[in-house]
Amino acid sequence: MKKVLSISLALLTSILILSACGKKNADDHKTISAPKPTLSDALNTSGISLEKYDQIKYTSQQLNGGDSTKKIMSILGKPTSSKQTKLTNNDSATQYTWQMGGNAQLQYIFAIIYKDKVLSKGFQQNTNSKIVSKTKIKTLTNSMTFKEIKDKLGDPLSEQVSDGVAFMTYQTDKNNHACNLTFSNNKLSKTEFVTLSSN
């Protein structure tokens, strides 16, 4: 049975949009239930990988720089699905999702687009893709940057990043335990040990 994070991407997406635009997300993000391609089809046609994900550039809080919709589609190919999200100022953002087959280590990549700029991006791997011990996580300090921690621990189970705010989750054992890391202004600001829920 697959496991999902106890803290949903809905909350993370709302916080990121709030951070980047100074406005709350009025819509709750819902899990996209698009048909999943087979693993072989996904590997051959989806074009998604963490290496390509790393190429995507998100915009600043002032909407300077960052990739356009056309650019991310040139990197990742055609998305599996898209969803409109209404902001509190009645502007719309679009979430595009690129989904892999059910047996793939990488489940999906997503990008939230606002005014044709990548506002935030993120990914989710299948659980048990990588275990990082609780002991190792406890060596982290609040002075460490997002990059320093990722260099030390490797790719997390999931992440979502934008200018100013970021989140990562690492699985700490095979018994549904994990750690959520929150970053503000590129510095670790909160470490929370949680239990992953099953569905």
C-alpha atoms as a PDB file:
ATOM      1  CA  MET A   1       0.000   0.000   0.000  1.00  0.00           C
ATOM      2  CA  LYS A   2       1.379   3.373  -0.960  1.00  0.00           C
ATOM      3  CA  LYS A   3       2.084   5.962   1.684  1.00  0.00           C
ATOM      4  CA  VAL A   4       1.473   9.685   1.442  1.00  0.00           C
ATOM      5  CA  LEU A   5       2.934  12.482   3.510  1.00  0.00           C
ATOM      6  CA  SER A   6       0.938  13.513   6.533  1.00  0.00           C
ATOM      7  CA  ILE A   7       1.336  17.144   5.551  1.00  0.00           C
ATOM      8  CA  SER A   8      -0.285  17.567   2.153  1.00  0.00           C
ATOM      9  CA  LEU A   9       1.055  19.620  -0.717  1.00  0.00           C
ATOM     10  CA  ALA A  10      -2.083  21.731  -0.355  1.00  0.00           C
ATOM     11  CA  LEU A  11      -0.641  23.464   2.684  1.00  0.00           C
ATOM     12  CA  LEU A  12       2.780  23.791   1.125  1.00  0.00           C
ATOM     13  CA  THR A  13       1.388  25.234  -2.087  1.00  0.00           C
ATOM     14  CA  SER A  14      -0.691  27.760  -0.153  1.00  0.00           C
ATOM     15  CA  ILE A  15       2.303  28.886   1.893  1.00  0.00           C
ATOM     16  CA  LEU A  16       4.531  29.168  -1.152  1.00  0.00           C
ATOM     17  CA  ILE A  17       2.022  31.267  -3.072  1.00  0.00           C
ATOM     18  CA  LEU A  18       1.554  33.413   0.006  1.00  0.00           C
ATOM     19  CA  SER A  19       5.312  33.885   0.265  1.00  0.00           C
ATOM     20  CA  ALA A  20       5.930  34.640  -3.385  1.00  0.00           C
ATOM     21  CA  CYS A  21       2.941  36.869  -4.022  1.00  0.00           C
ATOM     22  CA  GLY A  22       1.932  38.125  -0.599  1.00  0.00           C
ATOM     23  CA  LYS A  23      -1.496  36.527  -1.075  1.00  0.00           C
ATOM     24  CA  LYS A  24      -3.107  33.342   0.225  1.00  0.00           C
ATOM     25  CA  ASN A  25      -4.232  30.567  -2.074  1.00  0.00           C
ATOM     26  CA  ALA A  26      -8.012  30.461  -1.941  1.00  0.00           C
ATOM     27  CA  ASP A  27      -8.304  26.966  -3.443  1.00  0.00           C
ATOM     28  CA  ASP A  28      -7.316  23.796  -1.685  1.00  0.00           C
ATOM     29  CA  HIS A  29      -4.887  21.800  -3.776  1.00  0.00           C
ATOM     30  CA  LYS A  30      -6.276  18.378  -4.512  1.00  0.00           C
ATOM     31  CA  THR A  31      -4.317  15.331  -5.541  1.00  0.00           C
ATOM     32  CA  ILE A  32      -4.402  14.935  -9.292  1.00  0.00           C
ATOM     33  CA  SER A  33      -5.770  11.540 -10.194  1.00  0.00           C
ATOM     34  CA  ALA A  34      -4.668  11.343 -13.800  1.00  0.00           C
ATOM     35  CA  PRO A  35      -4.217   7.886 -15.327  1.00  0.00           C
ATOM     36  CA  LYS A  36      -0.673   6.702 -14.747  1.00  0.00           C
ATOM     37  CA  PRO A  37       1.301   5.433 -17.739  1.00  0.00           C
ATOM     38  CA  THR A  38       3.173   2.165 -17.477  1.00  0.00           C
ATOM     39  CA  LEU A  39       6.734   2.421 -16.203  1.00  0.00           C
ATOM     40  CA  SER A  40       8.226   1.689 -19.623  1.00  0.00           C
ATOM     41  CA  ASP A  41       5.961   4.240 -21.314  1.00  0.00           C
ATOM     42  CA  ALA A  42       6.773   6.831 -18.665  1.00  0.00           C
ATOM     43  CA  LEU A  43      10.506   6.313 -19.011  1.00  0.00           C
ATOM     44  CA  ASN A  44      10.276   6.534 -22.788  1.00  0.00           C
ATOM     45  CA  THR A  45       7.825   9.382 -23.217  1.00  0.00           C
ATOM     46  CA  SER A  46       7.425  11.524 -20.105  1.00  0.00           C
ATOM     47  CA  GLY A  47      10.889  13.059 -20.210  1.00  0.00           C
ATOM     48  CA  ILE A  48      10.857  13.662 -16.465  1.00  0.00           C
ATOM     49  CA  SER A  49      13.771  13.072 -14.143  1.00  0.00           C
ATOM     50  CA  LEU A  50      15.325  14.784 -11.132  1.00  0.00           C
ATOM     51  CA  GLU A  51      18.151  15.939 -13.410  1.00  0.00           C
ATOM     52  CA  LYS A  52      15.643  17.768 -15.622  1.00  0.00           C
ATOM     53  CA  TYR A  53      13.752  19.015 -12.575  1.00  0.00           C
ATOM     54  CA  ASP A  54      16.967  20.653 -11.355  1.00  0.00           C
ATOM     55  CA  GLN A  55      17.119  22.671 -14.605  1.00  0.00           C
ATOM     56  CA  ILE A  56      13.818  24.454 -13.863  1.00  0.00           C
ATOM     57  CA  LYS A  57      14.302  27.991 -12.547  1.00  0.00           C
ATOM     58  CA  TYR A  58      11.624  29.650 -10.420  1.00  0.00           C
ATOM     59  CA  THR A  59      10.941  33.389 -10.278  1.00  0.00           C
ATOM     60  CA  SER A  60      11.846  35.833  -7.512  1.00  0.00           C
ATOM     61  CA  GLN A  61       9.229  37.275  -5.161  1.00  0.00           C
ATOM     62  CA  GLN A  62       9.146  40.324  -7.463  1.00  0.00           C
ATOM     63  CA  LEU A  63       8.480  38.011 -10.455  1.00  0.00           C
ATOM     64  CA  ASN A  64      11.936  38.686 -11.896  1.00  0.00           C
ATOM     65  CA  GLY A  65      13.550  35.878 -13.842  1.00  0.00           C
ATOM     66  CA  GLY A  66      12.300  32.308 -13.738  1.00  0.00           C
ATOM     67  CA  ASP A  67      11.277  29.980 -16.538  1.00  0.00           C
ATOM     68  CA  SER A  68       8.158  30.395 -18.627  1.00  0.00           C
ATOM     69  CA  THR A  69       5.539  27.737 -19.356  1.00  0.00           C
ATOM     70  CA  LYS A  70       7.091  27.173 -22.764  1.00  0.00           C
ATOM     71  CA  LYS A  71      10.526  26.701 -21.224  1.00  0.00           C
ATOM     72  CA  ILE A  72       9.493  24.093 -18.654  1.00  0.00           C
ATOM     73  CA  MET A  73       7.598  22.160 -21.320  1.00  0.00           C
ATOM     74  CA  SER A  74      10.730  22.175 -23.462  1.00  0.00           C
ATOM     75  CA  ILE A  75      12.548  20.648 -20.466  1.00  0.00           C
ATOM     76  CA  LEU A  76       9.944  18.132 -19.257  1.00  0.00           C
ATOM     77  CA  GLY A  77       7.681  17.621 -22.262  1.00  0.00           C
ATOM     78  CA  LYS A  78       3.896  17.648 -22.251  1.00  0.00           C
ATOM     79  CA  PRO A  79       2.437  17.496 -18.708  1.00  0.00           C
ATOM     80  CA  THR A  80       0.172  14.673 -17.589  1.00  0.00           C
ATOM     81  CA  SER A  81      -2.393  17.110 -16.215  1.00  0.00           C
ATOM     82  CA  SER A  82      -3.058  20.693 -15.193  1.00  0.00           C
ATOM     83  CA  LYS A  83      -5.243  22.422 -12.611  1.00  0.00           C
ATOM     84  CA  GLN A  84      -6.290  26.038 -12.151  1.00  0.00           C
ATOM     85  CA  THR A  85      -5.813  27.591  -8.712  1.00  0.00           C
ATOM     86  CA  LYS A  86      -7.461  30.891  -7.802  1.00  0.00           C
ATOM     87  CA  LEU A  87      -5.481  33.363  -5.685  1.00  0.00           C
ATOM     88  CA  THR A  88      -7.136  35.742  -3.229  1.00  0.00           C
ATOM     89  CA  ASN A  89      -6.689  38.654  -5.637  1.00  0.00           C
ATOM     90  CA  ASN A  90      -8.741  36.595  -8.155  1.00  0.00           C
ATOM     91  CA  ASP A  91      -5.702  36.001 -10.326  1.00  0.00           C
ATOM     92  CA  SER A  92      -5.209  32.423 -11.451  1.00  0.00           C
ATOM     93  CA  ALA A  93      -2.189  30.181 -11.153  1.00  0.00           C
ATOM     94  CA  THR A  94      -1.841  26.897 -13.014  1.00  0.00           C
ATOM     95  CA  GLN A  95      -0.313  23.754 -11.595  1.00  0.00           C
ATOM     96  CA  TYR A  96       1.184  21.410 -14.197  1.00  0.00           C
ATOM     97  CA  THR A  97       2.032  17.844 -13.176  1.00  0.00           C
ATOM     98  CA  TRP A  98       4.286  15.326 -14.903  1.00  0.00           C
ATOM     99  CA  GLN A  99       3.533  11.869 -13.535  1.00  0.00           C
ATOM    100  CA  MET A 100       5.515   8.655 -13.822  1.00  0.00           C
ATOM    101  CA  GLY A 101       4.283   5.060 -13.773  1.00  0.00           C
ATOM    102  CA  GLY A 102       3.261   3.495 -10.474  1.00  0.00           C
ATOM    103  CA  ASN A 103       6.468   1.481 -10.075  1.00  0.00           C
ATOM    104  CA  ALA A 104       8.861   4.337 -10.795  1.00  0.00           C
ATOM    105  CA  GLN A 105      11.029   5.744  -8.008  1.00  0.00           C
ATOM    106  CA  LEU A 106       9.982   9.282  -8.999  1.00  0.00           C
ATOM    107  CA  GLN A 107       6.195   9.605  -8.764  1.00  0.00           C
ATOM    108  CA  TYR A 108       5.758  13.090 -10.172  1.00  0.00           C
ATOM    109  CA  ILE A 109       7.144  16.583 -10.712  1.00  0.00           C
ATOM    110  CA  PHE A 110       4.958  19.669 -10.575  1.00  0.00           C
ATOM    111  CA  ALA A 111       5.333  23.372 -11.296  1.00  0.00           C
ATOM    112  CA  ILE A 112       2.992  26.224 -10.344  1.00  0.00           C
ATOM    113  CA  ILE A 113       2.837  28.971 -12.977  1.00  0.00           C
ATOM    114  CA  TYR A 114       1.732  32.530 -12.207  1.00  0.00           C
ATOM    115  CA  LYS A 115       1.828  35.244 -14.893  1.00  0.00           C
ATOM    116  CA  ASP A 116       3.799  32.838 -17.119  1.00  0.00           C
ATOM    117  CA  LYS A 117       6.515  32.440 -14.492  1.00  0.00           C
ATOM    118  CA  VAL A 118       7.420  29.343 -12.476  1.00  0.00           C
ATOM    119  CA  LEU A 119       6.276  30.414  -9.013  1.00  0.00           C
ATOM    120  CA  SER A 120       7.313  27.155  -7.355  1.00  0.00           C
ATOM    121  CA  LYS A 121       8.289  23.616  -8.232  1.00  0.00           C
ATOM    122  CA  GLY A 122       8.395  20.312  -6.440  1.00  0.00           C
ATOM    123  CA  PHE A 123       8.569  16.552  -6.701  1.00  0.00           C
ATOM    124  CA  GLN A 124       7.448  13.415  -4.881  1.00  0.00           C
ATOM    125  CA  GLN A 125       9.293  10.121  -4.867  1.00  0.00           C
ATOM    126  CA  ASN A 126       7.854   6.775  -3.843  1.00  0.00           C
ATOM    127  CA  THR A 127       8.367   6.017  -0.162  1.00  0.00           C
ATOM    128  CA  ASN A 128      11.371   3.905   0.769  1.00  0.00           C
ATOM    129  CA  SER A 129      13.233   5.475  -2.166  1.00  0.00           C
ATOM    130  CA  LYS A 130      15.899   6.593   0.289  1.00  0.00           C
ATOM    131  CA  ILE A 131      16.176   6.284   4.058  1.00  0.00           C
ATOM    132  CA  VAL A 132      18.076   8.943   6.046  1.00  0.00           C
ATOM    133  CA  SER A 133      18.627   8.131   9.708  1.00  0.00           C
ATOM    134  CA  LYS A 134      17.076  10.253  12.437  1.00  0.00           C
ATOM    135  CA  THR A 135      20.530  10.488  14.011  1.00  0.00           C
ATOM    136  CA  LYS A 136      21.957  12.085  10.869  1.00  0.00           C
ATOM    137  CA  ILE A 137      19.078  14.562  10.637  1.00  0.00           C
ATOM    138  CA  LYS A 138      19.637  15.597  14.264  1.00  0.00           C
ATOM    139  CA  THR A 139      23.099  16.869  13.274  1.00  0.00           C
ATOM    140  CA  LEU A 140      21.506  19.611  11.132  1.00  0.00           C
ATOM    141  CA  THR A 141      21.552  23.172  12.468  1.00  0.00           C
ATOM    142  CA  ASN A 142      19.424  26.197  11.723  1.00  0.00           C
ATOM    143  CA  SER A 143      22.421  27.960  10.182  1.00  0.00           C
ATOM    144  CA  MET A 144      22.532  25.450   7.321  1.00  0.00           C
ATOM    145  CA  THR A 145      21.283  26.361   3.845  1.00  0.00           C
ATOM    146  CA  PHE A 146      18.934  24.364   1.635  1.00  0.00           C
ATOM    147  CA  LYS A 147      21.849  23.376  -0.625  1.00  0.00           C
ATOM    148  CA  GLU A 148      24.104  22.376   2.263  1.00  0.00           C
ATOM    149  CA  ILE A 149      21.471  20.042   3.642  1.00  0.00           C
ATOM    150  CA  LYS A 150      20.634  18.559   0.255  1.00  0.00           C
ATOM    151  CA  ASP A 151      24.345  18.014  -0.422  1.00  0.00           C
ATOM    152  CA  LYS A 152      24.676  16.278   2.965  1.00  0.00           C
ATOM    153  CA  LEU A 153      21.509  14.142   2.880  1.00  0.00           C
ATOM    154  CA  GLY A 154      20.862  13.709  -0.840  1.00  0.00           C
ATOM    155  CA  ASP A 155      17.513  14.063  -2.605  1.00  0.00           C
ATOM    156  CA  PRO A 156      14.550  13.963  -0.209  1.00  0.00           C
ATOM    157  CA  LEU A 157      11.351  11.941  -0.418  1.00  0.00           C
ATOM    158  CA  SER A 158       9.636  15.161  -1.509  1.00  0.00           C
ATOM    159  CA  GLU A 159      10.334  18.848  -1.836  1.00  0.00           C
ATOM    160  CA  GLN A 160       8.672  22.093  -2.846  1.00  0.00           C
ATOM    161  CA  VAL A 161      10.682  25.254  -3.414  1.00  0.00           C
ATOM    162  CA  SER A 162      10.086  28.895  -4.248  1.00  0.00           C
ATOM    163  CA  ASP A 163      11.940  32.143  -3.663  1.00  0.00           C
ATOM    164  CA  GLY A 164      12.142  32.607   0.102  1.00  0.00           C
ATOM    165  CA  VAL A 165      10.373  29.445   1.267  1.00  0.00           C
ATOM    166  CA  ALA A 166      11.139  25.755   0.786  1.00  0.00           C
ATOM    167  CA  PHE A 167      10.149  22.396   2.236  1.00  0.00           C
ATOM    168  CA  MET A 168      11.772  18.963   2.189  1.00  0.00           C
ATOM    169  CA  THR A 169      10.724  15.644   3.682  1.00  0.00           C
ATOM    170  CA  TYR A 170      13.126  12.785   4.373  1.00  0.00           C
ATOM    171  CA  GLN A 171      12.007   9.297   5.297  1.00  0.00           C
ATOM    172  CA  THR A 172      13.866   8.148   8.411  1.00  0.00           C
ATOM    173  CA  ASP A 173      12.959   4.429   8.503  1.00  0.00           C
ATOM    174  CA  LYS A 174      10.772   1.813   6.833  1.00  0.00           C
ATOM    175  CA  ASN A 175       8.096   2.168   9.521  1.00  0.00           C
ATOM    176  CA  ASN A 176       6.353   5.286   8.195  1.00  0.00           C
ATOM    177  CA  HIS A 177       8.539   7.815  10.023  1.00  0.00           C
ATOM    178  CA  ALA A 178       9.880  10.943   8.364  1.00  0.00           C
ATOM    179  CA  CYS A 179      11.180  14.438   9.006  1.00  0.00           C
ATOM    180  CA  ASN A 180       9.819  17.664   7.530  1.00  0.00           C
ATOM    181  CA  LEU A 181      12.343  20.472   7.056  1.00  0.00           C
ATOM    182  CA  THR A 182      11.175  24.058   6.522  1.00  0.00           C
ATOM    183  CA  PHE A 183      13.420  26.777   5.111  1.00  0.00           C
ATOM    184  CA  SER A 184      12.962  30.538   5.284  1.00  0.00           C
ATOM    185  CA  ASN A 185      15.268  32.807   3.303  1.00  0.00           C
ATOM    186  CA  ASN A 186      17.337  29.761   2.372  1.00  0.00           C
ATOM    187  CA  LYS A 187      18.068  28.827   6.011  1.00  0.00           C
ATOM    188  CA  LEU A 188      16.691  25.855   7.919  1.00  0.00           C
ATOM    189  CA  SER A 189      14.036  27.265  10.250  1.00  0.00           C
ATOM    190  CA  LYS A 190      12.084  24.222  11.469  1.00  0.00           C
ATOM    191  CA  THR A 191      12.659  20.477  11.876  1.00  0.00           C
ATOM    192  CA  GLU A 192       9.653  18.284  12.637  1.00  0.00           C
ATOM    193  CA  PHE A 193       9.579  14.495  12.984  1.00  0.00           C
ATOM    194  CA  VAL A 194       6.288  13.062  11.711  1.00  0.00           C
ATOM    195  CA  THR A 195       4.566   9.798  10.842  1.00  0.00           C
ATOM    196  CA  LEU A 196       3.588   9.127   7.247  1.00  0.00           C
ATOM    197  CA  SER A 197      -0.031   8.130   6.797  1.00  0.00           C
ATOM    198  CA  SER A 198      -1.205   5.252   4.609  1.00  0.00           C
ATOM    199  CA  ASN A 199      -4.028   5.204   2.083  1.00  0.00           C
END
